[in-house]
Amino acid sequence: YHRLTPRDKFLIIGSDGLWDLISPLQAVRLVGEHMS
């Protein structure tokens, strides 16, 4: 459980095929850059 705050911008849900190729932090940074 997590109580969302305005700092929580997005949630990434992925099968292990994604996580075999990139780390969670890489994925978050990529989506963050994509948002900008």
Full PDB file with SEQRES, HELIX, SHEET, SSBOND, CRYST1, ORIGX, SCALE, CONECT and MASTER records, all heavy atoms in Angstrom:
SEQRES   1 A   36  TYR HIS ARG LEU THR PRO ARG ASP LYS PHE LEU ILE ILE          
SEQRES   2 A   36  GLY SER ASP GLY LEU TRP ASP LEU ILE SER PRO LEU GLN          
SEQRES   3 A   36  ALA VAL ARG LEU VAL GLY GLU HIS MET SER                      
HELIX    1 AA1 ASP A   16  TRP A   19  1                                   4    
HELIX    2 AA2 PRO A   24  MET A   35  1                                  12    
CRYST1    1.000    1.000    1.000  90.00  90.00  90.00 P 1           1          
ORIGX1      1.000000  0.000000  0.000000        0.00000                         
ORIGX2      0.000000  1.000000  0.000000        0.00000                         
ORIGX3      0.000000  0.000000  1.000000        0.00000                         
SCALE1      1.000000  0.000000  0.000000        0.00000                         
SCALE2      0.000000  1.000000  0.000000        0.00000                         
SCALE3      0.000000  0.000000  1.000000        0.00000                         
ATOM      1  N   TYR A   1       0.838  -1.199   0.000  1.00  0.00           N  
ATOM      2  CA  TYR A   1       0.000   0.000   0.000  1.00  0.00           C  
ATOM      3  C   TYR A   1       0.871   1.246   0.000  1.00  0.00           C  
ATOM      4  O   TYR A   1       1.933   1.287   0.620  1.00  0.00           O  
ATOM      5  CB  TYR A   1      -0.907   0.030   1.232  1.00  0.00           C  
ATOM      6  CG  TYR A   1      -1.618   1.366   1.419  1.00  0.00           C  
ATOM      7  CD1 TYR A   1      -2.681   1.724   0.605  1.00  0.00           C  
ATOM      8  CD2 TYR A   1      -1.180   2.274   2.389  1.00  0.00           C  
ATOM      9  CE1 TYR A   1      -3.312   2.955   0.751  1.00  0.00           C  
ATOM     10  CE2 TYR A   1      -1.801   3.511   2.538  1.00  0.00           C  
ATOM     11  CZ  TYR A   1      -2.872   3.846   1.711  1.00  0.00           C  
ATOM     12  OH  TYR A   1      -3.493   5.066   1.857  1.00  0.00           O  
ATOM     13  N   HIS A   2       0.383   2.273  -0.712  1.00  0.00           N  
ATOM     14  CA  HIS A   2       1.056   3.574  -0.707  1.00  0.00           C  
ATOM     15  C   HIS A   2      -0.003   4.660  -0.824  1.00  0.00           C  
ATOM     16  O   HIS A   2      -0.901   4.574  -1.672  1.00  0.00           O  
ATOM     17  CB  HIS A   2       2.034   3.686  -1.879  1.00  0.00           C  
ATOM     18  CG  HIS A   2       2.698   5.020  -1.993  1.00  0.00           C  
ATOM     19  ND1 HIS A   2       3.724   5.414  -1.155  1.00  0.00           N  
ATOM     20  CD2 HIS A   2       2.479   6.071  -2.835  1.00  0.00           C  
ATOM     21  CE1 HIS A   2       4.115   6.630  -1.486  1.00  0.00           C  
ATOM     22  NE2 HIS A   2       3.367   7.061  -2.500  1.00  0.00           N  
ATOM     23  N   ARG A   3       0.097   5.672   0.043  1.00  0.00           N  
ATOM     24  CA  ARG A   3      -0.812   6.816  -0.080  1.00  0.00           C  
ATOM     25  C   ARG A   3      -0.191   7.804  -1.039  1.00  0.00           C  
ATOM     26  O   ARG A   3       0.895   8.334  -0.817  1.00  0.00           O  
ATOM     27  CB  ARG A   3      -1.068   7.488   1.273  1.00  0.00           C  
ATOM     28  CG  ARG A   3      -2.231   8.479   1.190  1.00  0.00           C  
ATOM     29  CD  ARG A   3      -2.389   9.323   2.436  1.00  0.00           C  
ATOM     30  NE  ARG A   3      -3.609  10.106   2.362  1.00  0.00           N  
ATOM     31  CZ  ARG A   3      -3.807  11.181   1.584  1.00  0.00           C  
ATOM     32  NH1 ARG A   3      -2.823  11.600   0.800  1.00  0.00           N  
ATOM     33  NH2 ARG A   3      -4.964  11.817   1.581  1.00  0.00           N  
ATOM     34  N   LEU A   4      -0.880   8.050  -2.141  1.00  0.00           N  
ATOM     35  CA  LEU A   4      -0.358   8.911  -3.196  1.00  0.00           C  
ATOM     36  C   LEU A   4      -0.289  10.369  -2.751  1.00  0.00           C  
ATOM     37  O   LEU A   4      -1.179  10.855  -2.041  1.00  0.00           O  
ATOM     38  CB  LEU A   4      -1.237   8.795  -4.442  1.00  0.00           C  
ATOM     39  CG  LEU A   4      -1.255   7.422  -5.119  1.00  0.00           C  
ATOM     40  CD1 LEU A   4      -2.376   7.356  -6.143  1.00  0.00           C  
ATOM     41  CD2 LEU A   4       0.092   7.118  -5.762  1.00  0.00           C  
ATOM     42  N   THR A   5       0.760  11.050  -3.193  1.00  0.00           N  
ATOM     43  CA  THR A   5       0.934  12.483  -2.957  1.00  0.00           C  
ATOM     44  C   THR A   5       1.143  13.158  -4.308  1.00  0.00           C  
ATOM     45  O   THR A   5       1.356  12.476  -5.328  1.00  0.00           O  
ATOM     46  CB  THR A   5       2.152  12.757  -2.053  1.00  0.00           C  
ATOM     47  OG1 THR A   5       3.355  12.582  -2.834  1.00  0.00           O  
ATOM     48  CG2 THR A   5       2.175  11.821  -0.849  1.00  0.00           C  
ATOM     49  N   PRO A   6       1.126  14.491  -4.366  1.00  0.00           N  
ATOM     50  CA  PRO A   6       1.382  15.174  -5.646  1.00  0.00           C  
ATOM     51  C   PRO A   6       2.747  14.870  -6.241  1.00  0.00           C  
ATOM     52  O   PRO A   6       2.970  15.105  -7.427  1.00  0.00           O  
ATOM     53  CB  PRO A   6       1.257  16.657  -5.274  1.00  0.00           C  
ATOM     54  CG  PRO A   6       0.369  16.683  -4.079  1.00  0.00           C  
ATOM     55  CD  PRO A   6       0.709  15.443  -3.311  1.00  0.00           C  
ATOM     56  N   ARG A   7       3.675  14.359  -5.443  1.00  0.00           N  
ATOM     57  CA  ARG A   7       5.009  13.999  -5.934  1.00  0.00           C  
ATOM     58  C   ARG A   7       5.010  12.675  -6.708  1.00  0.00           C  
ATOM     59  O   ARG A   7       5.966  12.371  -7.420  1.00  0.00           O  
ATOM     60  CB  ARG A   7       5.994  13.903  -4.763  1.00  0.00           C  
ATOM     61  CG  ARG A   7       6.304  15.241  -4.123  1.00  0.00           C  
ATOM     62  CD  ARG A   7       7.218  16.046  -4.998  1.00  0.00           C  
ATOM     63  NE  ARG A   7       7.429  17.407  -4.493  1.00  0.00           N  
ATOM     64  CZ  ARG A   7       8.038  18.351  -5.195  1.00  0.00           C  
ATOM     65  NH1 ARG A   7       8.487  18.077  -6.401  1.00  0.00           N  
ATOM     66  NH2 ARG A   7       8.187  19.555  -4.699  1.00  0.00           N  
ATOM     67  N   ASP A   8       3.960  11.871  -6.529  1.00  0.00           N  
ATOM     68  CA  ASP A   8       3.859  10.577  -7.224  1.00  0.00           C  
ATOM     69  C   ASP A   8       3.240  10.818  -8.594  1.00  0.00           C  
ATOM     70  O   ASP A   8       2.037  11.050  -8.713  1.00  0.00           O  
ATOM     71  CB  ASP A   8       3.010   9.605  -6.412  1.00  0.00           C  
ATOM     72  CG  ASP A   8       3.566   9.389  -5.009  1.00  0.00           C  
ATOM     73  OD1 ASP A   8       4.792   9.238  -4.888  1.00  0.00           O  
ATOM     74  OD2 ASP A   8       2.772   9.386  -4.052  1.00  0.00           O  
ATOM     75  N   LYS A   9       4.044  10.758  -9.633  1.00  0.00           N  
ATOM     76  CA  LYS A   9       3.606  11.211 -10.960  1.00  0.00           C  
ATOM     77  C   LYS A   9       3.036  10.088 -11.827  1.00  0.00           C  
ATOM     78  O   LYS A   9       2.138  10.332 -12.641  1.00  0.00           O  
ATOM     79  CB  LYS A   9       4.775  11.878 -11.694  1.00  0.00           C  
ATOM     80  CG  LYS A   9       5.332  13.104 -10.974  1.00  0.00           C  
ATOM     81  CD  LYS A   9       4.263  14.171 -10.781  1.00  0.00           C  
ATOM     82  CE  LYS A   9       4.823  15.407 -10.095  1.00  0.00           C  
ATOM     83  NZ  LYS A   9       3.783  16.446  -9.880  1.00  0.00           N  
ATOM     84  N   PHE A  10       3.558   8.883 -11.706  1.00  0.00           N  
ATOM     85  CA  PHE A  10       3.069   7.792 -12.565  1.00  0.00           C  
ATOM     86  C   PHE A  10       3.459   6.444 -11.962  1.00  0.00           C  
ATOM     87  O   PHE A  10       4.359   6.347 -11.119  1.00  0.00           O  
ATOM     88  CB  PHE A  10       3.628   7.920 -13.995  1.00  0.00           C  
ATOM     89  CG  PHE A  10       5.117   8.095 -14.064  1.00  0.00           C  
ATOM     90  CD1 PHE A  10       5.980   7.008 -13.963  1.00  0.00           C  
ATOM     91  CD2 PHE A  10       5.681   9.357 -14.217  1.00  0.00           C  
ATOM     92  CE1 PHE A  10       7.351   7.169 -14.010  1.00  0.00           C  
ATOM     93  CE2 PHE A  10       7.050   9.542 -14.272  1.00  0.00           C  
ATOM     94  CZ  PHE A  10       7.887   8.438 -14.169  1.00  0.00           C  
ATOM     95  N   LEU A  11       2.762   5.413 -12.432  1.00  0.00           N  
ATOM     96  CA  LEU A  11       3.047   4.031 -12.034  1.00  0.00           C  
ATOM     97  C   LEU A  11       3.319   3.232 -13.295  1.00  0.00           C  
ATOM     98  O   LEU A  11       2.526   3.267 -14.249  1.00  0.00           O  
ATOM     99  CB  LEU A  11       1.848   3.434 -11.286  1.00  0.00           C  
ATOM    100  CG  LEU A  11       1.995   1.983 -10.804  1.00  0.00           C  
ATOM    101  CD1 LEU A  11       2.963   1.903  -9.626  1.00  0.00           C  
ATOM    102  CD2 LEU A  11       0.633   1.407 -10.406  1.00  0.00           C  
ATOM    103  N   ILE A  12       4.442   2.517 -13.316  1.00  0.00           N  
ATOM    104  CA  ILE A  12       4.788   1.640 -14.445  1.00  0.00           C  
ATOM    105  C   ILE A  12       4.549   0.195 -14.011  1.00  0.00           C  
ATOM    106  O   ILE A  12       5.099  -0.251 -13.009  1.00  0.00           O  
ATOM    107  CB  ILE A  12       6.257   1.800 -14.866  1.00  0.00           C  
ATOM    108  CG1 ILE A  12       6.587   3.259 -15.159  1.00  0.00           C  
ATOM    109  CG2 ILE A  12       6.570   0.925 -16.074  1.00  0.00           C  
ATOM    110  CD1 ILE A  12       8.076   3.523 -15.351  1.00  0.00           C  
ATOM    111  N   ILE A  13       3.720  -0.538 -14.754  1.00  0.00           N  
ATOM    112  CA  ILE A  13       3.492  -1.966 -14.499  1.00  0.00           C  
ATOM    113  C   ILE A  13       4.016  -2.722 -15.712  1.00  0.00           C  
ATOM    114  O   ILE A  13       3.603  -2.443 -16.849  1.00  0.00           O  
ATOM    115  CB  ILE A  13       2.005  -2.291 -14.289  1.00  0.00           C  
ATOM    116  CG1 ILE A  13       1.355  -1.318 -13.308  1.00  0.00           C  
ATOM    117  CG2 ILE A  13       1.841  -3.723 -13.779  1.00  0.00           C  
ATOM    118  CD1 ILE A  13      -0.155  -1.470 -13.205  1.00  0.00           C  
ATOM    119  N   GLY A  14       4.932  -3.655 -15.504  1.00  0.00           N  
ATOM    120  CA  GLY A  14       5.524  -4.352 -16.652  1.00  0.00           C  
ATOM    121  C   GLY A  14       5.798  -5.816 -16.379  1.00  0.00           C  
ATOM    122  O   GLY A  14       6.056  -6.209 -15.235  1.00  0.00           O  
ATOM    123  N   SER A  15       5.734  -6.612 -17.431  1.00  0.00           N  
ATOM    124  CA  SER A  15       6.156  -8.015 -17.326  1.00  0.00           C  
ATOM    125  C   SER A  15       7.678  -8.058 -17.286  1.00  0.00           C  
ATOM    126  O   SER A  15       8.350  -7.072 -17.584  1.00  0.00           O  
ATOM    127  CB  SER A  15       5.614  -8.821 -18.509  1.00  0.00           C  
ATOM    128  OG  SER A  15       6.085  -8.288 -19.736  1.00  0.00           O  
ATOM    129  N   ASP A  16       8.226  -9.215 -16.917  1.00  0.00           N  
ATOM    130  CA  ASP A  16       9.682  -9.267 -16.704  1.00  0.00           C  
ATOM    131  C   ASP A  16      10.468  -9.082 -17.990  1.00  0.00           C  
ATOM    132  O   ASP A  16      11.659  -8.806 -17.955  1.00  0.00           O  
ATOM    133  CB  ASP A  16      10.095 -10.543 -15.973  1.00  0.00           C  
ATOM    134  CG  ASP A  16       9.975 -11.794 -16.834  1.00  0.00           C  
ATOM    135  OD1 ASP A  16       9.168 -11.784 -17.788  1.00  0.00           O  
ATOM    136  OD2 ASP A  16      10.667 -12.781 -16.541  1.00  0.00           O  
ATOM    137  N   GLY A  17       9.793  -9.196 -19.156  1.00  0.00           N  
ATOM    138  CA  GLY A  17      10.478  -8.914 -20.411  1.00  0.00           C  
ATOM    139  C   GLY A  17      11.009  -7.498 -20.471  1.00  0.00           C  
ATOM    140  O   GLY A  17      12.057  -7.240 -21.077  1.00  0.00           O  
ATOM    141  N   LEU A  18      10.301  -6.564 -19.828  1.00  0.00           N  
ATOM    142  CA  LEU A  18      10.785  -5.175 -19.755  1.00  0.00           C  
ATOM    143  C   LEU A  18      11.941  -5.059 -18.780  1.00  0.00           C  
ATOM    144  O   LEU A  18      12.979  -4.464 -19.086  1.00  0.00           O  
ATOM    145  CB  LEU A  18       9.648  -4.248 -19.333  1.00  0.00           C  
ATOM    146  CG  LEU A  18      10.045  -2.783 -19.109  1.00  0.00           C  
ATOM    147  CD1 LEU A  18      10.391  -2.109 -20.431  1.00  0.00           C  
ATOM    148  CD2 LEU A  18       8.946  -2.015 -18.388  1.00  0.00           C  
ATOM    149  N   TRP A  19      11.758  -5.658 -17.587  1.00  0.00           N  
ATOM    150  CA  TRP A  19      12.735  -5.472 -16.515  1.00  0.00           C  
ATOM    151  C   TRP A  19      14.018  -6.270 -16.754  1.00  0.00           C  
ATOM    152  O   TRP A  19      15.035  -6.018 -16.101  1.00  0.00           O  
ATOM    153  CB  TRP A  19      12.107  -5.824 -15.171  1.00  0.00           C  
ATOM    154  CG  TRP A  19      10.802  -5.110 -14.970  1.00  0.00           C  
ATOM    155  CD1 TRP A  19       9.563  -5.656 -14.905  1.00  0.00           C  
ATOM    156  CD2 TRP A  19      10.618  -3.684 -14.838  1.00  0.00           C  
ATOM    157  NE1 TRP A  19       8.607  -4.683 -14.740  1.00  0.00           N  
ATOM    158  CE2 TRP A  19       9.224  -3.467 -14.696  1.00  0.00           C  
ATOM    159  CE3 TRP A  19      11.480  -2.596 -14.826  1.00  0.00           C  
ATOM    160  CZ2 TRP A  19       8.683  -2.190 -14.539  1.00  0.00           C  
ATOM    161  CZ3 TRP A  19      10.944  -1.327 -14.679  1.00  0.00           C  
ATOM    162  CH2 TRP A  19       9.565  -1.128 -14.536  1.00  0.00           C  
ATOM    163  N   ASP A  20      13.982  -7.225 -17.710  1.00  0.00           N  
ATOM    164  CA  ASP A  20      15.217  -7.904 -18.118  1.00  0.00           C  
ATOM    165  C   ASP A  20      16.144  -6.950 -18.860  1.00  0.00           C  
ATOM    166  O   ASP A  20      17.358  -7.174 -18.927  1.00  0.00           O  
ATOM    167  CB  ASP A  20      14.903  -9.087 -19.047  1.00  0.00           C  
ATOM    168  CG  ASP A  20      14.292 -10.269 -18.307  1.00  0.00           C  
ATOM    169  OD1 ASP A  20      14.411 -10.321 -17.064  1.00  0.00           O  
ATOM    170  OD2 ASP A  20      13.693 -11.132 -18.975  1.00  0.00           O  
ATOM    171  N   LEU A  21      15.564  -5.879 -19.432  1.00  0.00           N  
ATOM    172  CA  LEU A  21      16.333  -4.987 -20.302  1.00  0.00           C  
ATOM    173  C   LEU A  21      16.700  -3.662 -19.662  1.00  0.00           C  
ATOM    174  O   LEU A  21      17.723  -3.063 -20.012  1.00  0.00           O  
ATOM    175  CB  LEU A  21      15.534  -4.720 -21.591  1.00  0.00           C  
ATOM    176  CG  LEU A  21      15.205  -5.954 -22.433  1.00  0.00           C  
ATOM    177  CD1 LEU A  21      14.255  -5.584 -23.573  1.00  0.00           C  
ATOM    178  CD2 LEU A  21      16.480  -6.582 -22.992  1.00  0.00           C  
ATOM    179  N   ILE A  22      15.860  -3.161 -18.747  1.00  0.00           N  
ATOM    180  CA  ILE A  22      16.161  -1.894 -18.085  1.00  0.00           C  
ATOM    181  C   ILE A  22      15.810  -1.994 -16.600  1.00  0.00           C  
ATOM    182  O   ILE A  22      14.949  -2.781 -16.205  1.00  0.00           O  
ATOM    183  CB  ILE A  22      15.413  -0.692 -18.715  1.00  0.00           C  
ATOM    184  CG1 ILE A  22      13.905  -0.945 -18.739  1.00  0.00           C  
ATOM    185  CG2 ILE A  22      15.937  -0.377 -20.088  1.00  0.00           C  
ATOM    186  CD1 ILE A  22      13.111   0.258 -19.240  1.00  0.00           C  
ATOM    187  N   SER A  23      16.442  -1.165 -15.794  1.00  0.00           N  
ATOM    188  CA  SER A  23      16.197  -1.154 -14.352  1.00  0.00           C  
ATOM    189  C   SER A  23      14.980  -0.283 -14.037  1.00  0.00           C  
ATOM    190  O   SER A  23      14.576   0.562 -14.855  1.00  0.00           O  
ATOM    191  CB  SER A  23      17.419  -0.599 -13.621  1.00  0.00           C  
ATOM    192  OG  SER A  23      17.539   0.800 -13.862  1.00  0.00           O  
ATOM    193  N   PRO A  24      14.388  -0.453 -12.869  1.00  0.00           N  
ATOM    194  CA  PRO A  24      13.264   0.410 -12.470  1.00  0.00           C  
ATOM    195  C   PRO A  24      13.602   1.901 -12.532  1.00  0.00           C  
ATOM    196  O   PRO A  24      12.791   2.700 -13.010  1.00  0.00           O  
ATOM    197  CB  PRO A  24      12.970  -0.052 -11.041  1.00  0.00           C  
ATOM    198  CG  PRO A  24      13.377  -1.489 -11.020  1.00  0.00           C  
ATOM    199  CD  PRO A  24      14.596  -1.547 -11.895  1.00  0.00           C  
ATOM    200  N   LEU A  25      14.802   2.286 -12.064  1.00  0.00           N  
ATOM    201  CA  LEU A  25      15.161   3.699 -12.076  1.00  0.00           C  
ATOM    202  C   LEU A  25      15.331   4.210 -13.508  1.00  0.00           C  
ATOM    203  O   LEU A  25      14.924   5.334 -13.830  1.00  0.00           O  
ATOM    204  CB  LEU A  25      16.446   3.936 -11.273  1.00  0.00           C  
ATOM    205  CG  LEU A  25      16.873   5.403 -11.120  1.00  0.00           C  
ATOM    206  CD1 LEU A  25      15.752   6.242 -10.494  1.00  0.00           C  
ATOM    207  CD2 LEU A  25      18.146   5.503 -10.277  1.00  0.00           C  
ATOM    208  N   GLN A  26      15.919   3.385 -14.384  1.00  0.00           N  
ATOM    209  CA  GLN A  26      16.028   3.785 -15.790  1.00  0.00           C  
ATOM    210  C   GLN A  26      14.645   4.013 -16.388  1.00  0.00           C  
ATOM    211  O   GLN A  26      14.424   4.985 -17.113  1.00  0.00           O  
ATOM    212  CB  GLN A  26      16.757   2.702 -16.591  1.00  0.00           C  
ATOM    213  CG  GLN A  26      18.263   2.673 -16.407  1.00  0.00           C  
ATOM    214  CD  GLN A  26      18.875   1.518 -17.192  1.00  0.00           C  
ATOM    215  OE1 GLN A  26      18.487   0.367 -17.049  1.00  0.00           O  
ATOM    216  NE2 GLN A  26      19.835   1.837 -18.047  1.00  0.00           N  
ATOM    217  N   ALA A  27      13.725   3.112 -16.101  1.00  0.00           N  
ATOM    218  CA  ALA A  27      12.373   3.220 -16.640  1.00  0.00           C  
ATOM    219  C   ALA A  27      11.694   4.498 -16.151  1.00  0.00           C  
ATOM    220  O   ALA A  27      11.055   5.219 -16.931  1.00  0.00           O  
ATOM    221  CB  ALA A  27      11.547   1.993 -16.249  1.00  0.00           C  
ATOM    222  N   VAL A  28      11.839   4.788 -14.863  1.00  0.00           N  
ATOM    223  CA  VAL A  28      11.229   5.991 -14.294  1.00  0.00           C  
ATOM    224  C   VAL A  28      11.824   7.240 -14.943  1.00  0.00           C  
ATOM    225  O   VAL A  28      11.097   8.183 -15.309  1.00  0.00           O  
ATOM    226  CB  VAL A  28      11.409   6.012 -12.764  1.00  0.00           C  
ATOM    227  CG1 VAL A  28      11.124   7.398 -12.187  1.00  0.00           C  
ATOM    228  CG2 VAL A  28      10.494   4.979 -12.104  1.00  0.00           C  
ATOM    229  N   ARG A  29      13.136   7.276 -15.109  1.00  0.00           N  
ATOM    230  CA  ARG A  29      13.765   8.447 -15.725  1.00  0.00           C  
ATOM    231  C   ARG A  29      13.319   8.616 -17.172  1.00  0.00           C  
ATOM    232  O   ARG A  29      13.107   9.739 -17.639  1.00  0.00           O  
ATOM    233  CB  ARG A  29      15.282   8.309 -15.641  1.00  0.00           C  
ATOM    234  CG  ARG A  29      15.829   8.573 -14.240  1.00  0.00           C  
ATOM    235  CD  ARG A  29      17.307   8.294 -14.148  1.00  0.00           C  
ATOM    236  NE  ARG A  29      17.851   8.685 -12.839  1.00  0.00           N  
ATOM    237  CZ  ARG A  29      19.038   8.329 -12.394  1.00  0.00           C  
ATOM    238  NH1 ARG A  29      19.821   7.566 -13.150  1.00  0.00           N  
ATOM    239  NH2 ARG A  29      19.457   8.719 -11.200  1.00  0.00           N  
ATOM    240  N   LEU A  30      13.179   7.501 -17.890  1.00  0.00           N  
ATOM    241  CA  LEU A  30      12.726   7.573 -19.275  1.00  0.00           C  
ATOM    242  C   LEU A  30      11.312   8.141 -19.374  1.00  0.00           C  
ATOM    243  O   LEU A  30      11.024   8.985 -20.223  1.00  0.00           O  
ATOM    244  CB  LEU A  30      12.779   6.184 -19.921  1.00  0.00           C  
ATOM    245  CG  LEU A  30      14.164   5.686 -20.327  1.00  0.00           C  
ATOM    246  CD1 LEU A  30      14.134   4.206 -20.652  1.00  0.00           C  
ATOM    247  CD2 LEU A  30      14.684   6.485 -21.532  1.00  0.00           C  
ATOM    248  N   VAL A  31      10.418   7.668 -18.493  1.00  0.00           N  
ATOM    249  CA  VAL A  31       9.046   8.179 -18.516  1.00  0.00           C  
ATOM    250  C   VAL A  31       9.012   9.633 -18.051  1.00  0.00           C  
ATOM    251  O   VAL A  31       8.258  10.451 -18.588  1.00  0.00           O  
ATOM    252  CB  VAL A  31       8.115   7.303 -17.646  1.00  0.00           C  
ATOM    253  CG1 VAL A  31       6.715   7.910 -17.568  1.00  0.00           C  
ATOM    254  CG2 VAL A  31       8.031   5.890 -18.216  1.00  0.00           C  
ATOM    255  N   GLY A  32       9.856   9.967 -17.067  1.00  0.00           N  
ATOM    256  CA  GLY A  32       9.938  11.353 -16.618  1.00  0.00           C  
ATOM    257  C   GLY A  32      10.385  12.282 -17.728  1.00  0.00           C  
ATOM    258  O   GLY A  32       9.810  13.368 -17.926  1.00  0.00           O  
ATOM    259  N   GLU A  33      11.422  11.881 -18.488  1.00  0.00           N  
ATOM    260  CA  GLU A  33      11.883  12.677 -19.626  1.00  0.00           C  
ATOM    261  C   GLU A  33      10.800  12.769 -20.698  1.00  0.00           C  
ATOM    262  O   GLU A  33      10.604  13.803 -21.329  1.00  0.00           O  
ATOM    263  CB  GLU A  33      13.151  12.052 -20.221  1.00  0.00           C  
ATOM    264  CG  GLU A  33      14.375  12.191 -19.331  1.00  0.00           C  
ATOM    265  CD  GLU A  33      15.563  11.420 -19.888  1.00  0.00           C  
ATOM    266  OE1 GLU A  33      15.417  10.835 -20.989  1.00  0.00           O  
ATOM    267  OE2 GLU A  33      16.619  11.391 -19.229  1.00  0.00           O  
ATOM    268  N   HIS A  34      10.079  11.658 -20.883  1.00  0.00           N  
ATOM    269  CA  HIS A  34       9.002  11.642 -21.865  1.00  0.00           C  
ATOM    270  C   HIS A  34       7.903  12.624 -21.477  1.00  0.00           C  
ATOM    271  O   HIS A  34       7.337  13.311 -22.337  1.00  0.00           O  
ATOM    272  CB  HIS A  34       8.431  10.223 -21.977  1.00  0.00           C  
ATOM    273  CG  HIS A  34       7.391  10.060 -23.039  1.00  0.00           C  
ATOM    274  ND1 HIS A  34       6.039  10.149 -22.780  1.00  0.00           N  
ATOM    275  CD2 HIS A  34       7.496   9.833 -24.365  1.00  0.00           C  
ATOM    276  CE1 HIS A  34       5.367   9.967 -23.901  1.00  0.00           C  
ATOM    277  NE2 HIS A  34       6.224   9.772 -24.876  1.00  0.00           N  
ATOM    278  N   MET A  35       7.601  12.710 -20.177  1.00  0.00           N  
ATOM    279  CA  MET A  35       6.607  13.670 -19.702  1.00  0.00           C  
ATOM    280  C   MET A  35       7.014  15.094 -20.073  1.00  0.00           C  
ATOM    281  O   MET A  35       6.202  15.884 -20.549  1.00  0.00           O  
ATOM    282  CB  MET A  35       6.459  13.581 -18.178  1.00  0.00           C  
ATOM    283  CG  MET A  35       5.584  12.466 -17.676  1.00  0.00           C  
ATOM    284  SD  MET A  35       5.505  12.453 -15.874  1.00  0.00           S  
ATOM    285  CE  MET A  35       4.711  14.017 -15.552  1.00  0.00           C  
ATOM    286  N   SER A  36       8.285  15.416 -19.864  1.00  0.00           N  
ATOM    287  CA  SER A  36       8.778  16.772 -20.168  1.00  0.00           C  
ATOM    288  C   SER A  36       8.719  17.050 -21.661  1.00  0.00           C  
ATOM    289  O   SER A  36       8.290  18.127 -22.093  1.00  0.00           O  
ATOM    290  CB  SER A  36      10.218  16.938 -19.679  1.00  0.00           C  
ATOM    291  OG  SER A  36      10.293  16.725 -18.290  1.00  0.00           O  
TER     292      SER A  36                                                      
MASTER        0    0    0    2    0    0    0    6  291    1    0    3          
END                                                                             
